[in-house]
């Protein structure tokens, strides 16, 4: 079920961005991460609505827009570290950078079309964020209602990086994107090698599916 949900809902979740203002003491935004998410959700929906035909005709144009608008709101190095797990510690700096870039590009290219086709097909209900005691980590949970009456829980795990809230994991029905990709990628790395997996990702020949359920606590 997670594979089917992720193909529709994960692109929408990825479009719900964090745009928190930097704080001098790197504390959390005074408005809270949920408020920032609401504001930038409307921003990305507006951008797609205005340029939909252009983006459909030229996927590279949309990839570029996602790179410029969406990707900076994610902690890409942090996600790469979590996805690789033990393999991250054994990797060189060059391998870590290549993997982070290849993984990011893989997600952008995999989910761009679904994001375009489904960006305005759901209603979002925002739940109060759950802040960690350190005030630099939070969980922002939402309920997405589709036009057919189905409802799904989408969650964002966020933390403060250089004064900005950034996403480091997304959950669909309490199933972690990071943990699912970690299972598949680490299995493939064990079977071949990290360099081989990176090279295939860069060439668009390796696209792991988030279909092995790994639930968060």
N, C-alpha and C. Protein backbone atom coordinates (compact mmCIF):
# COMPACT_ATOMS: atom_id res chain seq x y z
N UNK A 1 0.82 -1.20 0.00
CA UNK A 1 0.00 0.00 0.00
C UNK A 1 0.86 1.25 0.00
N UNK A 2 2.00 1.21 0.68
CA UNK A 2 2.82 2.41 0.78
C UNK A 2 3.33 2.86 -0.59
N UNK A 3 3.68 1.89 -1.43
CA UNK A 3 4.16 2.26 -2.77
C UNK A 3 3.10 3.06 -3.51
N UNK A 4 1.85 2.58 -3.47
CA UNK A 4 0.77 3.26 -4.17
C UNK A 4 0.52 4.64 -3.57
N UNK A 5 0.52 4.74 -2.25
CA UNK A 5 0.30 6.03 -1.60
C UNK A 5 1.41 7.00 -1.93
N UNK A 6 2.65 6.50 -1.88
CA UNK A 6 3.78 7.40 -2.05
C UNK A 6 3.82 8.02 -3.43
N UNK A 7 3.39 7.27 -4.44
CA UNK A 7 3.45 7.79 -5.80
C UNK A 7 2.51 8.97 -5.99
N UNK A 8 1.44 9.01 -5.20
CA UNK A 8 0.47 10.10 -5.31
C UNK A 8 0.72 11.17 -4.26
N UNK A 9 0.97 10.76 -3.02
CA UNK A 9 1.01 11.69 -1.90
C UNK A 9 2.38 12.26 -1.61
N UNK A 10 3.43 11.48 -1.85
CA UNK A 10 4.76 11.99 -1.55
C UNK A 10 5.13 13.22 -2.37
N UNK A 11 4.79 13.26 -3.67
CA UNK A 11 5.06 14.48 -4.42
C UNK A 11 4.37 15.70 -3.82
N UNK A 12 3.14 15.51 -3.34
CA UNK A 12 2.43 16.62 -2.72
C UNK A 12 3.11 17.01 -1.42
N UNK A 13 3.52 16.02 -0.66
CA UNK A 13 4.19 16.30 0.60
C UNK A 13 5.49 17.04 0.35
N UNK A 14 6.21 16.65 -0.69
CA UNK A 14 7.47 17.31 -1.00
C UNK A 14 7.28 18.77 -1.39
N UNK A 15 6.07 19.08 -1.87
CA UNK A 15 5.80 20.46 -2.25
C UNK A 15 5.42 21.35 -1.09
N UNK A 16 5.22 20.78 0.10
CA UNK A 16 4.90 21.59 1.27
C UNK A 16 6.21 22.02 1.91
N UNK A 17 6.64 23.22 1.63
CA UNK A 17 8.01 23.63 1.93
C UNK A 17 8.11 24.34 3.26
N UNK A 18 9.33 24.39 3.76
CA UNK A 18 9.65 25.17 4.94
C UNK A 18 10.42 26.41 4.51
N UNK A 19 9.99 27.58 4.99
CA UNK A 19 10.68 28.83 4.65
C UNK A 19 10.84 29.68 5.89
N UNK A 20 11.35 29.10 6.96
CA UNK A 20 11.47 29.82 8.23
C UNK A 20 12.54 30.90 8.14
N UNK A 21 12.27 32.04 8.76
CA UNK A 21 13.26 33.11 8.79
C UNK A 21 14.39 32.75 9.73
N UNK A 22 15.61 33.11 9.36
CA UNK A 22 16.76 32.81 10.20
C UNK A 22 16.70 33.60 11.50
N UNK A 23 17.09 32.93 12.58
CA UNK A 23 17.14 33.57 13.88
C UNK A 23 18.60 33.71 14.30
N UNK A 24 18.91 34.80 14.94
CA UNK A 24 20.29 35.05 15.31
C UNK A 24 20.84 33.96 16.22
N UNK A 25 19.97 33.41 17.09
CA UNK A 25 20.43 32.38 18.02
C UNK A 25 20.12 30.98 17.51
N UNK A 26 19.72 30.84 16.22
CA UNK A 26 19.37 29.59 15.55
C UNK A 26 18.23 28.86 16.24
N UNK A 27 17.41 29.58 16.98
CA UNK A 27 16.23 28.97 17.59
C UNK A 27 15.15 28.84 16.54
N UNK A 28 14.07 28.15 16.89
CA UNK A 28 12.99 27.95 15.94
C UNK A 28 12.29 29.26 15.63
N UNK A 29 11.69 29.32 14.43
CA UNK A 29 10.96 30.51 14.02
C UNK A 29 9.85 30.81 15.02
N UNK A 30 9.64 32.10 15.31
CA UNK A 30 8.61 32.48 16.27
C UNK A 30 7.22 32.13 15.77
N UNK A 31 7.03 32.00 14.46
CA UNK A 31 5.74 31.63 13.91
C UNK A 31 5.49 30.14 13.98
N UNK A 32 6.53 29.37 14.10
CA UNK A 32 6.38 27.92 14.13
C UNK A 32 6.46 27.31 12.76
N UNK A 33 6.96 26.08 12.66
CA UNK A 33 7.15 25.46 11.35
C UNK A 33 5.85 25.20 10.61
N UNK A 34 4.73 25.00 11.33
CA UNK A 34 3.47 24.74 10.64
C UNK A 34 2.98 25.97 9.88
N UNK A 35 3.17 27.16 10.47
CA UNK A 35 2.76 28.39 9.80
C UNK A 35 3.58 28.59 8.53
N UNK A 36 4.89 28.34 8.63
CA UNK A 36 5.74 28.50 7.45
C UNK A 36 5.35 27.51 6.36
N UNK A 37 5.01 26.30 6.74
CA UNK A 37 4.59 25.31 5.77
C UNK A 37 3.31 25.73 5.04
N UNK A 38 2.36 26.27 5.78
CA UNK A 38 1.11 26.71 5.16
C UNK A 38 1.40 27.81 4.12
N UNK A 39 2.22 28.76 4.49
CA UNK A 39 2.50 29.88 3.58
C UNK A 39 3.17 29.40 2.30
N UNK A 40 4.15 28.52 2.44
CA UNK A 40 4.88 28.10 1.25
C UNK A 40 4.14 27.04 0.44
N UNK A 41 3.18 26.37 1.07
CA UNK A 41 2.31 25.48 0.31
C UNK A 41 1.55 26.28 -0.75
N UNK A 42 1.00 27.41 -0.33
CA UNK A 42 0.29 28.26 -1.28
C UNK A 42 1.24 28.82 -2.33
N UNK A 43 2.47 29.08 -1.92
CA UNK A 43 3.46 29.62 -2.87
C UNK A 43 3.74 28.62 -3.99
N UNK A 44 4.00 27.34 -3.62
CA UNK A 44 4.34 26.37 -4.66
C UNK A 44 3.12 26.02 -5.51
N UNK A 45 1.95 25.98 -4.89
CA UNK A 45 0.74 25.73 -5.68
C UNK A 45 0.50 26.86 -6.68
N UNK A 46 0.73 28.07 -6.24
CA UNK A 46 0.55 29.21 -7.14
C UNK A 46 1.53 29.17 -8.30
N UNK A 47 2.77 28.79 -8.01
CA UNK A 47 3.79 28.72 -9.05
C UNK A 47 3.44 27.67 -10.09
N UNK A 48 3.01 26.50 -9.64
CA UNK A 48 2.64 25.45 -10.57
C UNK A 48 1.39 25.84 -11.37
N UNK A 49 0.40 26.43 -10.68
CA UNK A 49 -0.81 26.84 -11.37
C UNK A 49 -0.54 27.85 -12.47
N UNK A 50 0.37 28.77 -12.22
CA UNK A 50 0.69 29.82 -13.18
C UNK A 50 1.45 29.27 -14.38
N UNK A 51 2.29 28.25 -14.15
CA UNK A 51 3.19 27.77 -15.20
C UNK A 51 2.92 26.32 -15.60
N UNK A 52 1.73 25.83 -15.31
CA UNK A 52 1.46 24.41 -15.50
C UNK A 52 1.75 23.94 -16.93
N UNK A 53 1.23 24.63 -17.91
CA UNK A 53 1.41 24.20 -19.30
C UNK A 53 2.88 24.21 -19.69
N UNK A 54 3.58 25.24 -19.27
CA UNK A 54 5.00 25.32 -19.59
C UNK A 54 5.78 24.17 -18.94
N UNK A 55 5.45 23.89 -17.69
CA UNK A 55 6.14 22.81 -16.99
C UNK A 55 5.84 21.44 -17.61
N UNK A 56 4.60 21.22 -18.03
CA UNK A 56 4.25 19.96 -18.67
C UNK A 56 4.96 19.79 -20.00
N UNK A 57 5.12 20.89 -20.73
CA UNK A 57 5.77 20.84 -22.03
C UNK A 57 7.28 20.72 -21.91
N UNK A 58 7.83 21.22 -20.81
CA UNK A 58 9.28 21.23 -20.63
C UNK A 58 9.63 20.76 -19.22
N UNK A 59 9.75 19.44 -19.02
CA UNK A 59 10.05 18.91 -17.69
C UNK A 59 11.32 19.50 -17.09
N UNK A 60 12.33 19.76 -17.94
CA UNK A 60 13.58 20.31 -17.41
C UNK A 60 13.35 21.68 -16.75
N UNK A 61 12.40 22.44 -17.30
CA UNK A 61 12.07 23.73 -16.70
C UNK A 61 11.48 23.54 -15.31
N UNK A 62 10.65 22.52 -15.16
CA UNK A 62 10.07 22.26 -13.85
C UNK A 62 11.12 21.71 -12.89
N UNK A 63 12.00 20.82 -13.38
CA UNK A 63 13.08 20.32 -12.53
C UNK A 63 13.89 21.48 -11.97
N UNK A 64 14.16 22.46 -12.83
CA UNK A 64 14.95 23.62 -12.40
C UNK A 64 14.21 24.41 -11.33
N UNK A 65 12.90 24.57 -11.53
CA UNK A 65 12.11 25.31 -10.54
C UNK A 65 12.09 24.58 -9.20
N UNK A 66 11.95 23.27 -9.25
CA UNK A 66 11.96 22.48 -8.01
C UNK A 66 13.31 22.60 -7.33
N UNK A 67 14.38 22.54 -8.11
CA UNK A 67 15.73 22.68 -7.55
C UNK A 67 15.90 24.02 -6.84
N UNK A 68 15.32 25.06 -7.43
CA UNK A 68 15.51 26.40 -6.88
C UNK A 68 14.59 26.70 -5.70
N UNK A 69 13.37 26.14 -5.72
CA UNK A 69 12.37 26.50 -4.73
C UNK A 69 12.22 25.44 -3.64
N UNK A 70 12.15 24.18 -4.05
CA UNK A 70 11.85 23.11 -3.10
C UNK A 70 13.09 22.57 -2.41
N UNK A 71 14.10 22.23 -3.19
CA UNK A 71 15.26 21.53 -2.64
C UNK A 71 15.95 22.28 -1.50
N UNK A 72 16.11 23.62 -1.58
CA UNK A 72 16.78 24.32 -0.48
C UNK A 72 16.05 24.19 0.86
N UNK A 73 14.78 23.80 0.84
CA UNK A 73 14.03 23.65 2.08
C UNK A 73 14.19 22.27 2.71
N UNK A 74 14.97 21.41 2.07
CA UNK A 74 15.27 20.09 2.61
C UNK A 74 16.73 20.03 3.06
N UNK A 75 16.98 19.30 4.12
CA UNK A 75 18.35 19.08 4.60
C UNK A 75 18.92 17.91 3.80
N UNK A 76 19.36 18.20 2.58
CA UNK A 76 19.82 17.15 1.68
C UNK A 76 21.01 16.38 2.25
N UNK A 77 22.05 17.06 2.77
CA UNK A 77 23.16 16.28 3.37
C UNK A 77 22.70 15.43 4.54
N UNK A 78 21.79 15.97 5.36
CA UNK A 78 21.29 15.21 6.50
C UNK A 78 20.49 14.00 6.07
N UNK A 79 19.66 14.15 5.03
CA UNK A 79 18.89 13.03 4.51
C UNK A 79 19.82 11.96 3.96
N UNK A 80 20.85 12.39 3.22
CA UNK A 80 21.81 11.43 2.67
C UNK A 80 22.49 10.65 3.79
N UNK A 81 22.83 11.33 4.87
CA UNK A 81 23.47 10.65 6.01
C UNK A 81 22.54 9.62 6.63
N UNK A 82 21.27 9.97 6.79
CA UNK A 82 20.31 9.04 7.39
C UNK A 82 20.01 7.87 6.46
N UNK A 83 19.88 8.13 5.17
CA UNK A 83 19.58 7.07 4.22
C UNK A 83 20.73 6.07 4.12
N UNK A 84 21.96 6.56 4.09
CA UNK A 84 23.11 5.67 3.95
C UNK A 84 23.42 4.91 5.24
N UNK A 85 23.08 5.47 6.39
CA UNK A 85 23.33 4.79 7.65
C UNK A 85 24.80 4.48 7.85
N UNK A 86 25.12 3.22 8.12
CA UNK A 86 26.51 2.82 8.37
C UNK A 86 27.38 3.06 7.15
N UNK A 87 26.82 2.98 5.95
CA UNK A 87 27.61 3.22 4.74
C UNK A 87 28.09 4.66 4.65
N UNK A 88 27.38 5.57 5.30
CA UNK A 88 27.80 6.97 5.29
C UNK A 88 29.13 7.13 6.03
N UNK A 89 29.27 6.44 7.15
CA UNK A 89 30.50 6.56 7.95
C UNK A 89 31.71 6.03 7.20
N UNK A 90 31.48 5.03 6.35
CA UNK A 90 32.58 4.44 5.60
C UNK A 90 32.88 5.18 4.30
N UNK A 91 32.00 6.07 3.90
CA UNK A 91 32.15 6.77 2.62
C UNK A 91 33.12 7.94 2.73
N UNK A 92 33.75 8.27 1.61
CA UNK A 92 34.61 9.45 1.55
C UNK A 92 33.75 10.70 1.41
N UNK A 93 34.34 11.86 1.61
CA UNK A 93 33.60 13.11 1.43
C UNK A 93 33.06 13.23 0.01
N UNK A 94 33.87 12.82 -0.97
CA UNK A 94 33.45 12.89 -2.37
C UNK A 94 32.26 11.97 -2.62
N UNK A 95 32.29 10.77 -2.05
CA UNK A 95 31.18 9.83 -2.22
C UNK A 95 29.91 10.37 -1.57
N UNK A 96 30.05 10.98 -0.39
CA UNK A 96 28.89 11.54 0.30
C UNK A 96 28.25 12.64 -0.53
N UNK A 97 29.06 13.51 -1.11
CA UNK A 97 28.53 14.60 -1.91
C UNK A 97 27.87 14.08 -3.18
N UNK A 98 28.52 13.13 -3.83
CA UNK A 98 27.94 12.55 -5.05
C UNK A 98 26.62 11.86 -4.75
N UNK A 99 26.58 11.12 -3.64
CA UNK A 99 25.35 10.42 -3.30
C UNK A 99 24.24 11.41 -3.00
N UNK A 100 24.52 12.44 -2.21
CA UNK A 100 23.49 13.43 -1.86
C UNK A 100 22.91 14.07 -3.12
N UNK A 101 23.77 14.45 -4.05
CA UNK A 101 23.31 15.09 -5.28
C UNK A 101 22.51 14.11 -6.14
N UNK A 102 23.01 12.88 -6.27
CA UNK A 102 22.33 11.88 -7.10
C UNK A 102 20.98 11.50 -6.50
N UNK A 103 20.91 11.38 -5.18
CA UNK A 103 19.65 11.01 -4.52
C UNK A 103 18.63 12.12 -4.69
N UNK A 104 19.07 13.35 -4.50
CA UNK A 104 18.17 14.51 -4.68
C UNK A 104 17.64 14.56 -6.10
N UNK A 105 18.51 14.42 -7.09
CA UNK A 105 18.08 14.47 -8.49
C UNK A 105 17.12 13.33 -8.82
N UNK A 106 17.39 12.16 -8.24
CA UNK A 106 16.51 11.01 -8.48
C UNK A 106 15.10 11.29 -7.99
N UNK A 107 14.98 11.87 -6.79
CA UNK A 107 13.67 12.17 -6.25
C UNK A 107 12.96 13.24 -7.08
N UNK A 108 13.69 14.28 -7.46
CA UNK A 108 13.09 15.36 -8.26
C UNK A 108 12.54 14.79 -9.56
N UNK A 109 13.35 14.00 -10.25
CA UNK A 109 12.94 13.48 -11.55
C UNK A 109 11.82 12.45 -11.41
N UNK A 110 11.84 11.68 -10.33
CA UNK A 110 10.84 10.62 -10.15
C UNK A 110 9.46 11.18 -9.84
N UNK A 111 9.42 12.28 -9.06
CA UNK A 111 8.14 12.74 -8.54
C UNK A 111 7.63 14.03 -9.20
N UNK A 112 8.40 14.61 -10.12
CA UNK A 112 8.00 15.89 -10.70
C UNK A 112 6.65 15.82 -11.40
N UNK A 113 6.47 14.81 -12.25
CA UNK A 113 5.21 14.72 -13.01
C UNK A 113 4.02 14.50 -12.10
N UNK A 114 4.18 13.65 -11.09
CA UNK A 114 3.09 13.41 -10.16
C UNK A 114 2.76 14.66 -9.36
N UNK A 115 3.79 15.44 -9.03
CA UNK A 115 3.56 16.69 -8.31
C UNK A 115 2.74 17.65 -9.16
N UNK A 116 3.07 17.72 -10.44
CA UNK A 116 2.33 18.60 -11.34
C UNK A 116 0.87 18.17 -11.46
N UNK A 117 0.64 16.88 -11.62
CA UNK A 117 -0.70 16.39 -11.90
C UNK A 117 -1.60 16.37 -10.68
N UNK A 118 -1.02 16.43 -9.48
CA UNK A 118 -1.82 16.29 -8.26
C UNK A 118 -1.73 17.48 -7.32
N UNK A 119 -1.09 18.57 -7.76
CA UNK A 119 -0.80 19.66 -6.83
C UNK A 119 -2.06 20.31 -6.25
N UNK A 120 -3.17 20.28 -6.97
CA UNK A 120 -4.38 20.94 -6.48
C UNK A 120 -5.53 19.97 -6.26
N UNK A 121 -5.21 18.69 -6.04
CA UNK A 121 -6.26 17.68 -5.94
C UNK A 121 -6.57 17.27 -4.51
N UNK A 122 -5.97 17.95 -3.52
CA UNK A 122 -6.22 17.57 -2.13
C UNK A 122 -6.50 18.80 -1.30
N UNK A 123 -7.21 18.58 -0.20
CA UNK A 123 -7.35 19.60 0.85
C UNK A 123 -6.49 19.19 2.03
N UNK A 124 -5.84 20.17 2.64
CA UNK A 124 -4.88 19.90 3.70
C UNK A 124 -5.38 20.45 5.02
N UNK A 125 -5.40 19.59 6.04
CA UNK A 125 -5.70 20.02 7.40
C UNK A 125 -4.42 19.95 8.21
N UNK A 126 -4.06 21.08 8.81
CA UNK A 126 -2.80 21.16 9.56
C UNK A 126 -3.05 20.92 11.04
N UNK A 127 -2.26 20.05 11.62
CA UNK A 127 -2.35 19.76 13.04
C UNK A 127 -1.29 20.56 13.80
N UNK A 128 -1.51 20.85 15.08
CA UNK A 128 -0.51 21.60 15.84
C UNK A 128 0.84 20.87 15.83
N UNK A 129 1.93 21.59 15.60
CA UNK A 129 3.24 20.93 15.58
C UNK A 129 3.62 20.42 16.95
N UNK A 130 4.39 19.35 16.96
CA UNK A 130 4.92 18.81 18.21
C UNK A 130 6.40 19.20 18.29
N UNK A 131 6.70 20.11 19.19
CA UNK A 131 8.05 20.63 19.33
C UNK A 131 8.84 19.79 20.31
N UNK A 132 10.11 19.53 19.98
CA UNK A 132 11.00 18.83 20.90
C UNK A 132 11.44 19.80 21.99
N UNK A 133 11.87 19.29 23.13
CA UNK A 133 12.31 20.17 24.23
C UNK A 133 13.43 21.13 23.83
N UNK A 134 14.26 20.73 22.86
CA UNK A 134 15.37 21.61 22.47
C UNK A 134 14.93 22.74 21.54
N UNK A 135 13.67 22.75 21.13
CA UNK A 135 13.08 23.80 20.29
C UNK A 135 13.72 23.89 18.91
N UNK A 136 14.55 22.95 18.55
CA UNK A 136 15.15 22.96 17.21
C UNK A 136 14.75 21.73 16.40
N UNK A 137 13.88 20.90 16.94
CA UNK A 137 13.33 19.75 16.25
C UNK A 137 11.81 19.78 16.41
N UNK A 138 11.12 19.33 15.39
CA UNK A 138 9.65 19.33 15.47
C UNK A 138 9.06 18.32 14.50
N UNK A 139 7.84 17.93 14.78
CA UNK A 139 7.05 17.11 13.87
C UNK A 139 5.84 17.93 13.44
N UNK A 140 5.68 18.09 12.14
CA UNK A 140 4.54 18.82 11.59
C UNK A 140 3.67 17.81 10.86
N UNK A 141 2.49 17.55 11.40
CA UNK A 141 1.61 16.53 10.84
C UNK A 141 0.41 17.16 10.14
N UNK A 142 -0.03 16.49 9.08
CA UNK A 142 -1.17 16.98 8.30
C UNK A 142 -2.09 15.81 7.97
N UNK A 143 -3.32 16.14 7.61
CA UNK A 143 -4.26 15.17 7.06
C UNK A 143 -4.63 15.63 5.67
N UNK A 144 -4.39 14.80 4.67
CA UNK A 144 -4.70 15.13 3.29
C UNK A 144 -5.97 14.41 2.86
N UNK A 145 -6.94 15.17 2.40
CA UNK A 145 -8.21 14.61 1.94
C UNK A 145 -8.27 14.72 0.42
N UNK A 146 -8.44 13.59 -0.24
CA UNK A 146 -8.57 13.57 -1.69
C UNK A 146 -10.03 13.74 -2.09
N UNK A 147 -10.26 14.07 -3.34
CA UNK A 147 -11.62 14.34 -3.82
C UNK A 147 -12.52 13.11 -3.76
N UNK A 148 -11.92 11.92 -3.68
CA UNK A 148 -12.73 10.69 -3.60
C UNK A 148 -13.10 10.33 -2.17
N UNK A 149 -12.76 11.20 -1.22
CA UNK A 149 -13.12 10.97 0.17
C UNK A 149 -12.06 10.30 1.01
N UNK A 150 -10.98 9.85 0.39
CA UNK A 150 -9.90 9.21 1.14
C UNK A 150 -9.11 10.24 1.92
N UNK A 151 -8.66 9.86 3.12
CA UNK A 151 -7.84 10.72 3.95
C UNK A 151 -6.55 9.99 4.31
N UNK A 152 -5.44 10.73 4.30
CA UNK A 152 -4.14 10.15 4.60
C UNK A 152 -3.36 11.07 5.52
N UNK A 153 -2.56 10.45 6.37
CA UNK A 153 -1.71 11.22 7.29
C UNK A 153 -0.33 11.41 6.66
N UNK A 154 0.07 12.68 6.52
CA UNK A 154 1.40 13.02 6.02
C UNK A 154 2.12 13.79 7.12
N UNK A 155 3.32 13.36 7.44
CA UNK A 155 4.08 14.03 8.49
C UNK A 155 5.44 14.49 7.99
N UNK A 156 5.92 15.59 8.57
CA UNK A 156 7.23 16.13 8.25
C UNK A 156 8.07 16.16 9.51
N UNK A 157 9.26 15.60 9.45
CA UNK A 157 10.20 15.72 10.56
C UNK A 157 11.18 16.82 10.17
N UNK A 158 11.27 17.83 11.00
CA UNK A 158 12.05 19.01 10.66
C UNK A 158 12.99 19.36 11.81
N UNK A 159 14.09 20.02 11.44
CA UNK A 159 14.99 20.56 12.45
C UNK A 159 15.63 21.83 11.92
N UNK A 160 16.26 22.57 12.82
CA UNK A 160 16.86 23.85 12.45
C UNK A 160 18.28 23.61 11.96
N UNK A 161 18.58 24.10 10.77
CA UNK A 161 19.91 24.02 10.17
C UNK A 161 20.32 25.43 9.78
N UNK A 162 21.37 25.94 10.39
CA UNK A 162 21.83 27.31 10.10
C UNK A 162 20.70 28.33 10.21
N UNK A 163 19.85 28.16 11.21
CA UNK A 163 18.80 29.13 11.46
C UNK A 163 17.51 28.92 10.70
N UNK A 164 17.45 27.93 9.81
CA UNK A 164 16.25 27.66 9.02
C UNK A 164 15.69 26.28 9.36
N UNK A 165 14.36 26.18 9.38
CA UNK A 165 13.72 24.88 9.49
C UNK A 165 13.92 24.13 8.18
N UNK A 166 14.36 22.87 8.29
CA UNK A 166 14.52 22.05 7.08
C UNK A 166 14.00 20.64 7.36
N UNK A 167 13.42 20.07 6.30
CA UNK A 167 12.87 18.72 6.39
C UNK A 167 13.99 17.69 6.31
N UNK A 168 13.94 16.69 7.21
CA UNK A 168 14.89 15.59 7.11
C UNK A 168 14.20 14.23 6.95
N UNK A 169 12.88 14.20 7.03
CA UNK A 169 12.15 12.97 6.74
C UNK A 169 10.69 13.31 6.48
N UNK A 170 10.03 12.48 5.68
CA UNK A 170 8.60 12.59 5.41
C UNK A 170 7.98 11.23 5.71
N UNK A 171 6.84 11.23 6.37
CA UNK A 171 6.14 9.98 6.64
C UNK A 171 4.79 9.98 5.93
N UNK A 172 4.42 8.83 5.40
CA UNK A 172 3.10 8.62 4.80
C UNK A 172 2.43 7.51 5.60
N UNK A 173 1.34 7.86 6.30
CA UNK A 173 0.68 6.90 7.17
C UNK A 173 1.68 6.30 8.16
N UNK A 174 2.52 7.16 8.75
CA UNK A 174 3.52 6.78 9.75
C UNK A 174 4.64 5.90 9.21
N UNK A 175 4.76 5.82 7.90
CA UNK A 175 5.84 5.06 7.28
C UNK A 175 6.91 6.04 6.80
N UNK A 176 8.14 5.79 7.23
CA UNK A 176 9.23 6.73 6.98
C UNK A 176 9.83 6.57 5.60
N UNK A 177 9.92 7.68 4.87
CA UNK A 177 10.60 7.70 3.58
C UNK A 177 12.06 7.31 3.74
N UNK A 178 12.74 7.90 4.72
CA UNK A 178 14.16 7.65 4.92
C UNK A 178 14.44 6.19 5.22
N UNK A 179 13.67 5.60 6.14
CA UNK A 179 13.92 4.21 6.52
C UNK A 179 13.64 3.25 5.37
N UNK A 180 12.63 3.56 4.55
CA UNK A 180 12.35 2.70 3.40
C UNK A 180 13.45 2.75 2.36
N UNK A 181 13.92 3.94 2.04
CA UNK A 181 15.02 4.04 1.09
C UNK A 181 16.30 3.43 1.66
N UNK A 182 16.52 3.58 2.96
CA UNK A 182 17.73 3.00 3.57
C UNK A 182 17.76 1.49 3.39
N UNK A 183 16.62 0.84 3.60
CA UNK A 183 16.55 -0.61 3.47
C UNK A 183 16.96 -1.07 2.08
N UNK A 184 16.42 -0.41 1.06
CA UNK A 184 16.70 -0.83 -0.31
C UNK A 184 18.11 -0.45 -0.76
N UNK A 185 18.53 0.77 -0.46
CA UNK A 185 19.84 1.22 -0.91
C UNK A 185 20.96 0.45 -0.24
N UNK A 186 20.85 0.21 1.06
CA UNK A 186 21.91 -0.51 1.75
C UNK A 186 21.99 -1.96 1.28
N UNK A 187 20.85 -2.55 0.96
CA UNK A 187 20.86 -3.90 0.40
C UNK A 187 21.57 -3.92 -0.95
N UNK A 188 21.30 -2.90 -1.76
CA UNK A 188 21.92 -2.83 -3.08
C UNK A 188 23.41 -2.52 -2.97
N UNK A 189 23.79 -1.67 -2.03
CA UNK A 189 25.21 -1.36 -1.81
C UNK A 189 25.96 -2.61 -1.37
N UNK A 190 25.35 -3.40 -0.51
CA UNK A 190 25.97 -4.66 -0.05
C UNK A 190 26.15 -5.63 -1.20
N UNK A 191 25.17 -5.64 -2.12
CA UNK A 191 25.24 -6.55 -3.26
C UNK A 191 26.29 -6.12 -4.26
N UNK A 192 26.45 -4.81 -4.45
CA UNK A 192 27.42 -4.30 -5.43
C UNK A 192 28.45 -3.43 -4.70
N UNK A 193 28.27 -2.12 -4.76
CA UNK A 193 29.15 -1.19 -4.04
C UNK A 193 28.50 0.19 -4.03
N UNK A 194 28.96 1.05 -3.15
CA UNK A 194 28.42 2.40 -3.09
C UNK A 194 28.68 3.15 -4.39
N UNK A 195 29.88 3.03 -4.94
CA UNK A 195 30.19 3.71 -6.19
C UNK A 195 29.29 3.24 -7.33
N UNK A 196 29.01 1.94 -7.36
CA UNK A 196 28.14 1.41 -8.42
C UNK A 196 26.74 1.97 -8.29
N UNK A 197 26.20 2.01 -7.07
CA UNK A 197 24.85 2.54 -6.85
C UNK A 197 24.80 4.01 -7.23
N UNK A 198 25.79 4.78 -6.83
CA UNK A 198 25.82 6.21 -7.16
C UNK A 198 25.85 6.39 -8.67
N UNK A 199 26.70 5.63 -9.34
CA UNK A 199 26.82 5.77 -10.80
C UNK A 199 25.51 5.45 -11.50
N UNK A 200 24.80 4.43 -11.03
CA UNK A 200 23.51 4.08 -11.63
C UNK A 200 22.45 5.15 -11.34
N UNK A 201 22.50 5.72 -10.14
CA UNK A 201 21.57 6.81 -9.82
C UNK A 201 21.84 8.01 -10.72
N UNK A 202 23.11 8.34 -10.91
CA UNK A 202 23.46 9.48 -11.76
C UNK A 202 23.02 9.27 -13.20
N UNK A 203 23.04 8.03 -13.65
CA UNK A 203 22.65 7.70 -15.03
C UNK A 203 21.15 7.46 -15.17
N UNK A 204 20.39 7.59 -14.07
CA UNK A 204 18.96 7.35 -14.12
C UNK A 204 18.59 5.90 -14.27
N UNK A 205 19.49 4.99 -13.88
CA UNK A 205 19.26 3.56 -14.05
C UNK A 205 18.86 2.86 -12.75
N UNK A 206 18.76 3.60 -11.66
CA UNK A 206 18.43 2.99 -10.38
C UNK A 206 17.45 3.90 -9.66
N UNK A 207 16.22 3.38 -9.48
CA UNK A 207 15.18 4.18 -8.84
C UNK A 207 14.51 3.34 -7.76
N UNK A 208 15.00 3.38 -6.54
CA UNK A 208 14.38 2.58 -5.48
C UNK A 208 12.96 3.04 -5.21
N UNK A 209 12.12 2.09 -4.87
CA UNK A 209 10.72 2.38 -4.57
C UNK A 209 10.50 2.30 -3.07
N UNK A 210 9.80 3.30 -2.49
CA UNK A 210 9.54 3.26 -1.06
C UNK A 210 8.40 2.33 -0.71
N UNK A 211 8.63 1.01 -0.85
CA UNK A 211 7.53 0.08 -0.69
C UNK A 211 7.73 -0.93 0.43
N UNK A 212 8.84 -0.83 1.15
CA UNK A 212 9.06 -1.74 2.27
C UNK A 212 8.73 -0.96 3.53
N UNK A 213 7.62 -1.31 4.19
CA UNK A 213 7.11 -0.49 5.26
C UNK A 213 8.03 -0.51 6.46
N UNK A 214 8.47 0.68 6.86
CA UNK A 214 9.28 0.88 8.07
C UNK A 214 8.62 1.99 8.86
N UNK A 215 7.83 1.62 9.85
CA UNK A 215 7.06 2.61 10.57
C UNK A 215 7.91 3.32 11.61
N UNK A 216 7.58 4.61 11.78
CA UNK A 216 8.25 5.40 12.81
C UNK A 216 7.53 5.22 14.12
N UNK A 217 8.22 5.55 15.16
CA UNK A 217 7.59 5.47 16.49
C UNK A 217 6.74 6.70 16.76
